[in-house]
PDB file of N, CA and C in Angstrom:
ATOM      1  N   MET A   1       0.849  -1.062   0.144  1.00  0.00           N
ATOM      2  CA  MET A   1       0.035  -0.027   0.058  1.00  0.00           C
ATOM      3  C   MET A   1       0.920   1.262   0.087  1.00  0.00           C
ATOM      4  N   ALA A   2       0.622   2.080  -1.036  1.00  0.00           N
ATOM      5  CA  ALA A   2       1.279   3.204  -1.194  1.00  0.00           C
ATOM      6  C   ALA A   2       0.570   4.377  -0.437  1.00  0.00           C
ATOM      7  N   SER A   3       1.155   5.128   0.496  1.00  0.00           N
ATOM      8  CA  SER A   3       0.591   6.186   1.168  1.00  0.00           C
ATOM      9  C   SER A   3       1.008   7.493   0.403  1.00  0.00           C
ATOM     10  N   LEU A   4       0.024   8.371   0.176  1.00  0.00           N
ATOM     11  CA  LEU A   4       0.206   9.667  -0.591  1.00  0.00           C
ATOM     12  C   LEU A   4       0.614  10.764   0.413  1.00  0.00           C
ATOM     13  N   GLN A   5       1.864  11.426   0.199  1.00  0.00           N
ATOM     14  CA  GLN A   5       2.341  12.417   1.060  1.00  0.00           C
ATOM     15  C   GLN A   5       2.508  13.693   0.165  1.00  0.00           C
ATOM     16  N   PRO A   6       2.105  14.874   0.780  1.00  0.00           N
ATOM     17  CA  PRO A   6       2.194  16.050   0.083  1.00  0.00           C
ATOM     18  C   PRO A   6       3.837  16.360  -0.349  1.00  0.00           C
ATOM     19  N   ALA A   7       4.019  17.056  -1.291  1.00  0.00           N
ATOM     20  CA  ALA A   7       5.496  17.322  -1.724  1.00  0.00           C
ATOM     21  C   ALA A   7       6.039  18.268  -0.869  1.00  0.00           C
ATOM     22  N   GLN A   8       5.221  19.330  -0.474  1.00  0.00           N
ATOM     23  CA  GLN A   8       5.766  20.345   0.450  1.00  0.00           C
ATOM     24  C   GLN A   8       4.944  20.161   1.758  1.00  0.00           C
ATOM     25  N   PRO A   9       5.701  20.470   2.889  1.00  0.00           N
ATOM     26  CA  PRO A   9       5.053  20.461   4.059  1.00  0.00           C
ATOM     27  C   PRO A   9       3.936  21.804   4.227  1.00  0.00           C
ATOM     28  N   ILE A  10       3.036  21.609   5.057  1.00  0.00           N
ATOM     29  CA  ILE A  10       2.086  22.664   5.397  1.00  0.00           C
ATOM     30  C   ILE A  10       2.453  23.187   6.636  1.00  0.00           C
ATOM     31  N   ILE A  11       2.715  24.558   6.559  1.00  0.00           N
ATOM     32  CA  ILE A  11       3.301  25.297   7.842  1.00  0.00           C
ATOM     33  C   ILE A  11       2.174  26.245   8.111  1.00  0.00           C
ATOM     34  N   VAL A  12       1.717  26.240   9.352  1.00  0.00           N
ATOM     35  CA  VAL A  12       0.664  27.061   9.827  1.00  0.00           C
ATOM     36  C   VAL A  12       1.176  27.986  10.947  1.00  0.00           C
ATOM     37  N   LYS A  13       1.244  29.246  10.693  1.00  0.00           N
ATOM     38  CA  LYS A  13       1.787  30.295  11.483  1.00  0.00           C
ATOM     39  C   LYS A  13       0.667  30.688  12.304  1.00  0.00           C
ATOM     40  N   ILE A  14       0.772  30.606  13.731  1.00  0.00           N
ATOM     41  CA  ILE A  14      -0.260  31.110  14.762  1.00  0.00           C
ATOM     42  C   ILE A  14       0.096  32.462  15.310  1.00  0.00           C
ATOM     43  N   ILE A  15      -0.691  33.306  15.146  1.00  0.00           N
ATOM     44  CA  ILE A  15      -0.297  34.737  15.779  1.00  0.00           C
ATOM     45  C   ILE A  15      -1.267  35.056  17.033  1.00  0.00           C
ATOM     46  N   GLU A  16      -0.555  35.257  17.971  1.00  0.00           N
ATOM     47  CA  GLU A  16      -1.125  35.546  19.194  1.00  0.00           C
ATOM     48  C   GLU A  16      -1.620  37.023  19.217  1.00  0.00           C
ATOM     49  N   PRO A  17      -3.026  37.129  19.731  1.00  0.00           N
ATOM     50  CA  PRO A  17      -3.599  38.492  19.762  1.00  0.00           C
ATOM     51  C   PRO A  17      -2.794  39.282  20.899  1.00  0.00           C
ATOM     52  N   PRO A  18      -2.840  40.704  20.538  1.00  0.00           N
ATOM     53  CA  PRO A  18      -2.102  41.495  21.527  1.00  0.00           C
ATOM     54  C   PRO A  18      -2.753  41.541  22.940  1.00  0.00           C
ATOM     55  N   PRO A  19      -2.027  41.513  24.114  1.00  0.00           N
ATOM     56  CA  PRO A  19      -2.619  41.299  25.276  1.00  0.00           C
ATOM     57  C   PRO A  19      -3.734  42.547  25.500  1.00  0.00           C
ATOM     58  N   LYS A  20      -4.945  42.300  26.073  1.00  0.00           N
ATOM     59  CA  LYS A  20      -5.775  43.272  26.427  1.00  0.00           C
ATOM     60  C   LYS A  20      -5.470  43.766  27.662  1.00  0.00           C
ATOM     61  N   SER A  21      -5.570  45.088  27.780  1.00  0.00           N
ATOM     62  CA  SER A  21      -5.200  45.743  29.138  1.00  0.00           C
ATOM     63  C   SER A  21      -6.511  45.643  30.048  1.00  0.00           C
ATOM     64  N   GLU A  22      -6.184  45.721  31.362  1.00  0.00           N
ATOM     65  CA  GLU A  22      -7.094  45.796  32.429  1.00  0.00           C
ATOM     66  C   GLU A  22      -8.021  46.868  32.190  1.00  0.00           C
ATOM     67  N   LEU A  23      -7.608  48.001  31.939  1.00  0.00           N
ATOM     68  CA  LEU A  23      -8.169  49.285  31.941  1.00  0.00           C
ATOM     69  C   LEU A  23      -9.344  49.450  30.777  1.00  0.00           C
ATOM     70  N   SER A  24      -8.927  48.680  29.718  1.00  0.00           N
ATOM     71  CA  SER A  24     -10.022  48.786  28.546  1.00  0.00           C
ATOM     72  C   SER A  24     -11.074  47.934  29.016  1.00  0.00           C
ATOM     73  N   GLY A  25     -10.923  46.696  29.639  1.00  0.00           N
ATOM     74  CA  GLY A  25     -12.058  45.939  30.143  1.00  0.00           C
ATOM     75  C   GLY A  25     -13.008  46.608  31.292  1.00  0.00           C
ATOM     76  N   LEU A  26     -12.265  47.384  32.093  1.00  0.00           N
ATOM     77  CA  LEU A  26     -13.073  48.192  33.240  1.00  0.00           C
ATOM     78  C   LEU A  26     -13.768  49.200  32.521  1.00  0.00           C
ATOM     79  N   ALA A  27     -13.095  49.981  31.620  1.00  0.00           N
ATOM     80  CA  ALA A  27     -13.979  51.137  30.767  1.00  0.00           C
ATOM     81  C   ALA A  27     -15.064  50.665  30.161  1.00  0.00           C
ATOM     82  N   ASP A  28     -14.870  49.434  29.587  1.00  0.00           N
ATOM     83  CA  ASP A  28     -16.077  48.916  28.782  1.00  0.00           C
ATOM     84  C   ASP A  28     -17.235  48.524  29.777  1.00  0.00           C
ATOM     85  N   VAL A  29     -16.924  47.986  30.963  1.00  0.00           N
ATOM     86  CA  VAL A  29     -17.931  47.588  31.909  1.00  0.00           C
ATOM     87  C   VAL A  29     -18.697  48.847  32.361  1.00  0.00           C
ATOM     88  N   LEU A  30     -17.788  50.118  32.722  1.00  0.00           N
ATOM     89  CA  LEU A  30     -18.248  51.263  33.306  1.00  0.00           C
ATOM     90  C   LEU A  30     -19.064  51.946  32.255  1.00  0.00           C
ATOM     91  N   ILE A  31     -18.808  52.047  31.064  1.00  0.00           N
ATOM     92  CA  ILE A  31     -19.649  52.596  30.020  1.00  0.00           C
ATOM     93  C   ILE A  31     -20.937  51.914  29.790  1.00  0.00           C
ATOM     94  N   GLY A  32     -20.729  50.673  29.788  1.00  0.00           N
ATOM     95  CA  GLY A  32     -22.118  49.747  29.609  1.00  0.00           C
ATOM     96  C   GLY A  32     -23.025  49.790  30.845  1.00  0.00           C
ATOM     97  N   SER A  33     -22.527  49.958  31.962  1.00  0.00           N
ATOM     98  CA  SER A  33     -23.437  50.187  33.123  1.00  0.00           C
ATOM     99  C   SER A  33     -24.075  51.510  33.240  1.00  0.00           C
ATOM    100  N   LEU A  34     -23.218  52.517  32.847  1.00  0.00           N
ATOM    101  CA  LEU A  34     -23.733  53.779  32.786  1.00  0.00           C
ATOM    102  C   LEU A  34     -24.879  54.046  31.582  1.00  0.00           C
ATOM    103  N   GLY A  35     -24.703  53.361  30.557  1.00  0.00           N
ATOM    104  CA  GLY A  35     -25.631  53.254  29.463  1.00  0.00           C
ATOM    105  C   GLY A  35     -26.885  52.660  29.889  1.00  0.00           C
ATOM    106  N   LEU A  36     -26.772  51.578  30.652  1.00  0.00           N
ATOM    107  CA  LEU A  36     -28.045  50.847  31.212  1.00  0.00           C
ATOM    108  C   LEU A  36     -28.809  51.648  32.252  1.00  0.00           C
ATOM    109  N   THR A  37     -28.028  52.396  33.085  1.00  0.00           N
ATOM    110  CA  THR A  37     -28.654  53.267  34.083  1.00  0.00           C
ATOM    111  C   THR A  37     -29.317  54.347  33.420  1.00  0.00           C
ATOM    112  N   ALA A  38     -28.720  55.009  32.460  1.00  0.00           N
ATOM    113  CA  ALA A  38     -29.409  56.150  31.529  1.00  0.00           C
ATOM    114  C   ALA A  38     -30.670  55.644  30.952  1.00  0.00           C
ATOM    115  N   VAL A  39     -30.664  54.415  30.441  1.00  0.00           N
ATOM    116  CA  VAL A  39     -31.956  53.754  29.764  1.00  0.00           C
ATOM    117  C   VAL A  39     -32.983  53.602  30.907  1.00  0.00           C
ATOM    118  N   ILE A  40     -32.644  52.972  31.955  1.00  0.00           N
ATOM    119  CA  ILE A  40     -33.691  52.703  33.022  1.00  0.00           C
ATOM    120  C   ILE A  40     -34.181  54.237  33.509  1.00  0.00           C
ATOM    121  N   THR A  41     -33.477  55.089  33.743  1.00  0.00           N
ATOM    122  CA  THR A  41     -33.771  56.472  34.307  1.00  0.00           C
ATOM    123  C   THR A  41     -34.776  57.034  33.354  1.00  0.00           C
ATOM    124  N   ILE A  42     -34.524  57.192  32.048  1.00  0.00           N
ATOM    125  CA  ILE A  42     -35.299  57.709  30.953  1.00  0.00           C
ATOM    126  C   ILE A  42     -36.549  57.012  30.838  1.00  0.00           C
ATOM    127  N   ALA A  43     -36.575  55.695  30.914  1.00  0.00           N
ATOM    128  CA  ALA A  43     -37.910  54.926  30.877  1.00  0.00           C
ATOM    129  C   ALA A  43     -38.617  55.254  32.260  1.00  0.00           C
ATOM    130  N   ALA A  44     -38.066  55.420  33.263  1.00  0.00           N
ATOM    131  CA  ALA A  44     -38.889  55.802  34.580  1.00  0.00           C
ATOM    132  C   ALA A  44     -39.529  57.138  34.412  1.00  0.00           C
ATOM    133  N   VAL A  45     -38.777  58.116  33.879  1.00  0.00           N
ATOM    134  CA  VAL A  45     -39.338  59.445  33.780  1.00  0.00           C
ATOM    135  C   VAL A  45     -40.438  59.410  32.660  1.00  0.00           C
ATOM    136  N   LEU A  46     -40.255  58.716  31.600  1.00  0.00           N
ATOM    137  CA  LEU A  46     -41.410  58.716  30.565  1.00  0.00           C
ATOM    138  C   LEU A  46     -42.585  58.031  31.060  1.00  0.00           C
ATOM    139  N   LEU A  47     -42.447  56.897  31.764  1.00  0.00           N
ATOM    140  CA  LEU A  47     -43.575  56.349  32.263  1.00  0.00           C
ATOM    141  C   LEU A  47     -44.174  57.090  33.370  1.00  0.00           C
ATOM    142  N   GLY A  48     -43.549  57.831  34.239  1.00  0.00           N
ATOM    143  CA  GLY A  48     -44.013  58.694  35.162  1.00  0.00           C
ATOM    144  C   GLY A  48     -44.739  59.825  34.487  1.00  0.00           C
ATOM    145  N   ALA A  49     -44.350  60.410  33.458  1.00  0.00           N
ATOM    146  CA  ALA A  49     -44.992  61.554  32.772  1.00  0.00           C
ATOM    147  C   ALA A  49     -46.439  60.946  32.081  1.00  0.00           C
ATOM    148  N   LEU A  50     -46.162  59.747  31.499  1.00  0.00           N
ATOM    149  CA  LEU A  50     -47.478  59.158  31.126  1.00  0.00           C
ATOM    150  C   LEU A  50     -48.504  58.726  32.090  1.00  0.00           C
ATOM    151  N   LEU A  51     -48.117  58.420  33.125  1.00  0.00           N
ATOM    152  CA  LEU A  51     -49.080  57.954  34.126  1.00  0.00           C
ATOM    153  C   LEU A  51     -49.677  59.308  34.839  1.00  0.00           C
ATOM    154  N   ALA A  52     -48.870  60.342  34.798  1.00  0.00           N
ATOM    155  CA  ALA A  52     -49.400  61.688  35.279  1.00  0.00           C
ATOM    156  C   ALA A  52     -50.443  62.379  34.385  1.00  0.00           C
ATOM    157  N   GLY A  53     -50.220  62.143  33.014  1.00  0.00           N
ATOM    158  CA  GLY A  53     -51.128  62.521  31.937  1.00  0.00           C
ATOM    159  C   GLY A  53     -52.337  61.785  32.065  1.00  0.00           C
ATOM    160  N   VAL A  54     -52.233  60.569  32.262  1.00  0.00           N
ATOM    161  CA  VAL A  54     -53.528  59.665  32.453  1.00  0.00           C
ATOM    162  C   VAL A  54     -54.233  59.973  33.509  1.00  0.00           C
ATOM    163  N   MET A  55     -53.544  60.333  34.658  1.00  0.00           N
ATOM    164  CA  MET A  55     -54.384  60.713  35.992  1.00  0.00           C
ATOM    165  C   MET A  55     -55.033  62.081  35.807  1.00  0.00           C
ATOM    166  N   PHE A  56     -54.304  63.099  35.177  1.00  0.00           N
ATOM    167  CA  PHE A  56     -54.833  64.442  34.818  1.00  0.00           C
ATOM    168  C   PHE A  56     -56.083  64.208  33.930  1.00  0.00           C
ATOM    169  N   TRP A  57     -56.028  63.323  32.891  1.00  0.00           N
ATOM    170  CA  TRP A  57     -57.129  63.329  31.976  1.00  0.00           C
ATOM    171  C   TRP A  57     -58.230  62.612  32.677  1.00  0.00           C
ATOM    172  N   VAL A  58     -58.113  61.771  33.401  1.00  0.00           N
ATOM    173  CA  VAL A  58     -59.143  60.956  34.164  1.00  0.00           C
ATOM    174  C   VAL A  58     -59.907  62.003  35.087  1.00  0.00           C
ATOM    175  N   ARG A  59     -59.025  62.765  35.822  1.00  0.00           N
ATOM    176  CA  ARG A  59     -59.598  63.679  36.851  1.00  0.00           C
ATOM    177  C   ARG A  59     -60.356  64.828  36.148  1.00  0.00           C
ATOM    178  N   SER A  60     -59.899  65.259  35.049  1.00  0.00           N
ATOM    179  CA  SER A  60     -60.662  66.320  34.382  1.00  0.00           C
ATOM    180  C   SER A  60     -61.915  66.014  33.854  1.00  0.00           C
ATOM    181  N   ARG A  61     -62.053  64.651  33.391  1.00  0.00           N
ATOM    182  CA  ARG A  61     -63.448  64.137  32.954  1.00  0.00           C
ATOM    183  C   ARG A  61     -64.530  63.954  34.109  1.00  0.00           C
ATOM    184  N   SER A  62     -63.954  63.916  35.319  1.00  0.00           N
ATOM    185  CA  SER A  62     -64.925  63.546  36.252  1.00  0.00           C
ATOM    186  C   SER A  62     -65.561  64.947  36.883  1.00  0.00           C
TER     187      SER A  62
END
């Protein structure tokens, strides 16, 4: 039995990614948490204004 071997060897070069600094990870977490806090705050203000409008409308009808 004859086994087929490639004429040239296949060389794979593995490149390591640059090390990620701890500060960039912390900054990502901080920006993400501030963004989430802003979204929750804006949603609370809008829902409060909507509820106040509904209460004002109901009271003015009676």
